Amino acid sequence: MDAMNMQETSRMILGLRAAGWSEKEINDFLLYIESGEEQYKPKVKEQGK
């Protein structure tokens, strides 16, 4: 599998921002992708909150 280049990474971050993710959620997600550590794994958001 090839690594993402900077342009792809930028588009992913911009897409997550557009989807309403906070900067902390984005950073934690990127840490989870790179490290695989469960503490950074995204949590399911509850509807209506």
N, C-alpha and C. Protein backbone atom coordinates (compact mmCIF):
# COMPACT_ATOMS: atom_id res chain seq x y z
N MET A 1 0.84 -1.17 0.00
CA MET A 1 0.00 0.00 0.00
C MET A 1 0.90 1.24 0.00
N ASP A 2 0.55 2.20 -0.82
CA ASP A 2 1.32 3.44 -0.89
C ASP A 2 0.89 4.39 0.21
N ALA A 3 1.83 5.22 0.65
CA ALA A 3 1.53 6.25 1.65
C ALA A 3 0.79 7.40 0.98
N MET A 4 -0.01 8.10 1.76
CA MET A 4 -0.72 9.27 1.24
C MET A 4 0.29 10.40 1.03
N ASN A 5 0.13 11.14 -0.05
CA ASN A 5 0.98 12.29 -0.25
C ASN A 5 0.37 13.50 0.45
N MET A 6 1.07 14.62 0.45
CA MET A 6 0.61 15.81 1.17
C MET A 6 -0.70 16.34 0.61
N GLN A 7 -0.88 16.28 -0.70
CA GLN A 7 -2.13 16.78 -1.30
C GLN A 7 -3.31 15.93 -0.84
N GLU A 8 -3.16 14.63 -0.82
CA GLU A 8 -4.23 13.74 -0.36
C GLU A 8 -4.53 13.96 1.12
N THR A 9 -3.50 14.14 1.90
CA THR A 9 -3.67 14.39 3.33
C THR A 9 -4.42 15.70 3.55
N SER A 10 -4.05 16.73 2.83
CA SER A 10 -4.72 18.03 2.95
C SER A 10 -6.19 17.92 2.58
N ARG A 11 -6.50 17.20 1.52
CA ARG A 11 -7.90 17.03 1.10
C ARG A 11 -8.69 16.27 2.14
N MET A 12 -8.06 15.27 2.77
CA MET A 12 -8.75 14.51 3.80
C MET A 12 -9.06 15.42 4.99
N ILE A 13 -8.09 16.22 5.44
CA ILE A 13 -8.31 17.12 6.57
C ILE A 13 -9.39 18.14 6.24
N LEU A 14 -9.35 18.72 5.06
CA LEU A 14 -10.37 19.69 4.66
C LEU A 14 -11.75 19.04 4.58
N GLY A 15 -11.82 17.81 4.12
CA GLY A 15 -13.08 17.08 4.06
C GLY A 15 -13.65 16.82 5.44
N LEU A 16 -12.78 16.45 6.39
CA LEU A 16 -13.23 16.21 7.76
C LEU A 16 -13.71 17.50 8.41
N ARG A 17 -13.03 18.60 8.14
CA ARG A 17 -13.49 19.91 8.64
C ARG A 17 -14.86 20.24 8.06
N ALA A 18 -15.02 20.02 6.77
CA ALA A 18 -16.30 20.32 6.11
C ALA A 18 -17.42 19.44 6.67
N ALA A 19 -17.07 18.24 7.13
CA ALA A 19 -18.06 17.33 7.71
C ALA A 19 -18.38 17.67 9.16
N GLY A 20 -17.73 18.71 9.69
CA GLY A 20 -18.04 19.16 11.04
C GLY A 20 -17.16 18.60 12.14
N TRP A 21 -16.06 17.95 11.77
CA TRP A 21 -15.16 17.41 12.79
C TRP A 21 -14.37 18.55 13.43
N SER A 22 -14.13 18.45 14.74
CA SER A 22 -13.31 19.43 15.44
C SER A 22 -11.83 19.15 15.14
N GLU A 23 -10.99 20.13 15.45
CA GLU A 23 -9.54 19.93 15.24
C GLU A 23 -9.02 18.78 16.09
N LYS A 24 -9.53 18.64 17.32
CA LYS A 24 -9.09 17.53 18.17
C LYS A 24 -9.52 16.19 17.59
N GLU A 25 -10.74 16.11 17.09
CA GLU A 25 -11.21 14.86 16.47
C GLU A 25 -10.35 14.50 15.27
N ILE A 26 -10.00 15.49 14.47
CA ILE A 26 -9.16 15.25 13.29
C ILE A 26 -7.77 14.77 13.72
N ASN A 27 -7.18 15.47 14.68
CA ASN A 27 -5.84 15.10 15.15
C ASN A 27 -5.84 13.69 15.74
N ASP A 28 -6.84 13.38 16.57
CA ASP A 28 -6.92 12.05 17.16
C ASP A 28 -7.10 10.98 16.08
N PHE A 29 -7.91 11.27 15.06
CA PHE A 29 -8.11 10.32 13.97
C PHE A 29 -6.81 10.05 13.22
N LEU A 30 -6.05 11.11 12.94
CA LEU A 30 -4.77 10.94 12.26
C LEU A 30 -3.80 10.15 13.12
N LEU A 31 -3.80 10.40 14.43
CA LEU A 31 -2.95 9.62 15.34
C LEU A 31 -3.38 8.16 15.34
N TYR A 32 -4.68 7.89 15.30
CA TYR A 32 -5.17 6.51 15.26
C TYR A 32 -4.73 5.81 13.98
N ILE A 33 -4.85 6.50 12.85
CA ILE A 33 -4.43 5.90 11.58
C ILE A 33 -2.96 5.53 11.62
N GLU A 34 -2.13 6.43 12.14
CA GLU A 34 -0.68 6.20 12.14
C GLU A 34 -0.24 5.20 13.20
N SER A 35 -0.81 5.31 14.40
CA SER A 35 -0.32 4.49 15.51
C SER A 35 -1.14 3.23 15.77
N GLY A 36 -2.44 3.28 15.44
CA GLY A 36 -3.31 2.15 15.73
C GLY A 36 -3.73 2.08 17.19
N GLU A 37 -3.35 3.09 17.98
CA GLU A 37 -3.69 3.08 19.41
C GLU A 37 -5.19 3.33 19.60
N GLU A 38 -5.82 2.45 20.37
CA GLU A 38 -7.26 2.51 20.60
C GLU A 38 -7.72 3.81 21.25
N GLN A 39 -6.85 4.44 22.04
CA GLN A 39 -7.25 5.68 22.72
C GLN A 39 -7.59 6.79 21.75
N TYR A 40 -7.10 6.70 20.50
CA TYR A 40 -7.36 7.72 19.50
C TYR A 40 -8.47 7.33 18.52
N LYS A 41 -9.00 6.13 18.68
CA LYS A 41 -10.04 5.64 17.75
C LYS A 41 -11.28 6.51 17.86
N PRO A 42 -11.87 6.92 16.71
CA PRO A 42 -13.07 7.76 16.74
C PRO A 42 -14.23 7.07 17.46
N LYS A 43 -14.99 7.87 18.19
CA LYS A 43 -16.18 7.39 18.88
C LYS A 43 -17.42 7.72 18.06
N VAL A 44 -18.44 6.90 18.18
CA VAL A 44 -19.71 7.15 17.50
C VAL A 44 -20.41 8.31 18.21
N LYS A 45 -20.82 9.31 17.43
CA LYS A 45 -21.52 10.45 18.00
C LYS A 45 -23.00 10.12 18.14
N GLU A 46 -23.58 10.57 19.27
CA GLU A 46 -25.01 10.36 19.49
C GLU A 46 -25.80 11.42 18.69
N GLN A 47 -26.91 11.00 18.09
CA GLN A 47 -27.75 11.91 17.32
C GLN A 47 -28.41 12.92 18.24
N GLY A 48 -28.54 14.16 17.77
CA GLY A 48 -29.27 15.18 18.49
C GLY A 48 -28.50 15.86 19.60
N LYS A 49 -27.20 15.64 19.69
CA LYS A 49 -26.42 16.29 20.73
C LYS A 49 -25.36 17.16 20.14
